């Protein structure tokens, strides 16, 4: 697979609540690789980036990943979704062995109301 697209989904900012990136449309995507870069972590609830797909008829979202173990420390973490994806290890916190959705977003869920400063980017593999 080649990385054909890289983009910022959420720029670096301090946040205290769940934050979703704008809806993405990737007709030819085979896999997604997310990078969560946490530069300040003040709480214990942690962050979990959940990949969501969209129902074409209702527009409702469906969670396609769990967000892995909540991140409570500064660092850069990776999350992957695509067919043939291996097991999570090291700073790769979640691997979903399923096709990437055509229409999707990522909702970064905060486990408590404390402040985390982070950014979220994606590589779209085709």
Protein backbone atom coordinates (compact mmCIF):
# COMPACT_ATOMS: atom_id res chain seq x y z
CA UNK A 1 0.00 0.00 0.00
CA UNK A 2 1.14 3.51 -0.77
CA UNK A 3 0.52 6.59 1.32
CA UNK A 4 -1.31 8.87 -1.05
CA UNK A 5 -2.72 11.43 1.37
CA UNK A 6 -1.52 12.94 4.63
CA UNK A 7 -3.53 15.57 6.43
CA UNK A 8 -4.18 17.23 9.76
CA UNK A 9 -7.51 16.17 11.25
CA UNK A 10 -7.29 18.23 14.46
CA UNK A 11 -4.59 20.89 14.98
CA UNK A 12 -2.75 21.03 18.29
CA UNK A 13 -4.92 22.61 20.98
CA UNK A 14 -5.92 22.13 24.61
CA UNK A 15 -9.25 20.31 24.88
CA UNK A 16 -11.38 19.08 27.79
CA UNK A 17 -14.26 17.31 26.00
CA UNK A 18 -14.73 14.77 23.20
CA UNK A 19 -13.80 16.35 19.87
CA UNK A 20 -14.57 14.98 16.40
CA UNK A 21 -12.64 15.94 13.30
CA UNK A 22 -14.50 17.00 10.15
CA UNK A 23 -16.09 14.21 8.10
CA UNK A 24 -13.67 12.67 5.59
CA UNK A 25 -14.53 11.04 2.25
CA UNK A 26 -12.06 8.51 0.84
CA UNK A 27 -13.56 6.39 -1.95
CA UNK A 28 -10.31 4.54 -2.72
CA UNK A 29 -8.85 4.19 0.79
CA UNK A 30 -7.62 0.73 1.74
CA UNK A 31 -6.30 1.66 5.17
CA UNK A 32 -6.04 4.53 7.65
CA UNK A 33 -3.14 5.29 9.97
CA UNK A 34 -3.85 7.87 12.67
CA UNK A 35 -1.23 9.72 14.70
CA UNK A 36 -2.27 11.15 18.07
CA UNK A 37 0.41 13.51 19.38
CA UNK A 38 -0.15 14.42 23.04
CA UNK A 39 2.00 17.32 24.27
CA UNK A 40 0.29 17.98 27.64
CA UNK A 41 -1.71 15.54 29.77
CA UNK A 42 -3.14 16.68 33.09
CA UNK A 43 -5.77 14.07 33.89
CA UNK A 44 -6.20 10.37 34.51
CA UNK A 45 -9.19 9.71 32.24
CA UNK A 46 -7.12 9.66 29.07
CA UNK A 47 -7.84 10.00 25.37
CA UNK A 48 -9.28 7.42 22.98
CA UNK A 49 -9.51 8.20 19.24
CA UNK A 50 -12.49 6.27 17.87
CA UNK A 51 -12.86 5.83 14.11
CA UNK A 52 -16.49 6.18 13.07
CA UNK A 53 -18.26 5.31 9.84
CA UNK A 54 -21.41 6.99 8.51
CA UNK A 55 -24.67 5.34 7.44
CA UNK A 56 -25.48 6.67 3.96
CA UNK A 57 -29.26 6.78 4.57
CA UNK A 58 -29.61 8.20 8.09
CA UNK A 59 -26.27 10.00 8.39
CA UNK A 60 -25.80 8.36 11.80
CA UNK A 61 -22.31 7.42 12.98
CA UNK A 62 -21.21 3.93 13.99
CA UNK A 63 -18.06 3.32 16.03
CA UNK A 64 -15.70 1.08 14.05
CA UNK A 65 -12.91 1.00 16.64
CA UNK A 66 -12.60 1.19 20.41
CA UNK A 67 -9.80 3.72 20.70
CA UNK A 68 -7.61 1.18 22.50
CA UNK A 69 -6.32 1.77 26.00
CA UNK A 70 -6.81 5.36 27.16
CA UNK A 71 -3.72 7.53 26.65
CA UNK A 72 -2.76 9.47 29.79
CA UNK A 73 0.86 10.40 29.01
CA UNK A 74 2.68 12.74 26.64
CA UNK A 75 3.84 11.00 23.46
CA UNK A 76 2.93 10.12 19.89
CA UNK A 77 0.64 7.14 19.37
CA UNK A 78 -0.59 5.31 16.28
CA UNK A 79 -3.92 3.66 15.39
CA UNK A 80 -4.49 1.60 12.23
CA UNK A 81 -7.46 0.29 10.27
CA UNK A 82 -7.31 -1.81 7.11
CA UNK A 83 -7.35 -5.38 5.84
CA UNK A 84 -4.22 -7.35 6.69
CA UNK A 85 -3.24 -5.06 9.58
CA UNK A 86 -1.11 -6.82 12.20
CA UNK A 87 -1.35 -6.76 15.97
CA UNK A 88 -0.87 -3.60 18.02
CA UNK A 89 2.50 -3.24 19.76
CA UNK A 90 4.73 -0.46 21.09
CA UNK A 91 3.23 2.94 20.31
CA UNK A 92 0.72 1.37 17.89
CA UNK A 93 -2.20 1.25 20.32
CA UNK A 94 -4.98 -0.27 18.20
CA UNK A 95 -5.17 -2.22 14.93
CA UNK A 96 -8.52 -2.94 13.31
CA UNK A 97 -8.34 -5.63 10.61
CA UNK A 98 -11.31 -4.38 8.58
CA UNK A 99 -11.75 -2.25 5.46
CA UNK A 100 -11.45 1.50 5.80
CA UNK A 101 -14.85 3.22 5.44
CA UNK A 102 -15.66 5.54 2.56
CA UNK A 103 -17.10 8.26 4.82
CA UNK A 104 -15.56 8.55 8.29
CA UNK A 105 -14.36 10.75 11.09
CA UNK A 106 -12.44 10.33 14.32
CA UNK A 107 -13.97 11.25 17.66
CA UNK A 108 -11.28 11.74 20.31
CA UNK A 109 -13.05 10.85 23.54
CA UNK A 110 -11.76 12.41 26.77
CA UNK A 111 -12.22 10.22 29.84
CA UNK A 112 -12.57 13.12 32.27
CA UNK A 113 -12.95 16.89 32.16
CA UNK A 114 -9.25 17.69 32.53
CA UNK A 115 -7.19 19.34 29.82
CA UNK A 116 -5.16 17.47 27.20
CA UNK A 117 -3.21 19.22 24.46
CA UNK A 118 -2.99 17.09 21.33
CA UNK A 119 -3.13 16.98 17.57
CA UNK A 120 -4.46 14.27 15.27
CA UNK A 121 -3.27 13.49 11.75
CA UNK A 122 -3.91 10.73 9.23
CA UNK A 123 -2.16 8.86 6.44
CA UNK A 124 -4.62 7.45 3.93
CA UNK A 125 -3.19 4.33 2.28
CA UNK A 126 -4.44 3.31 -1.14
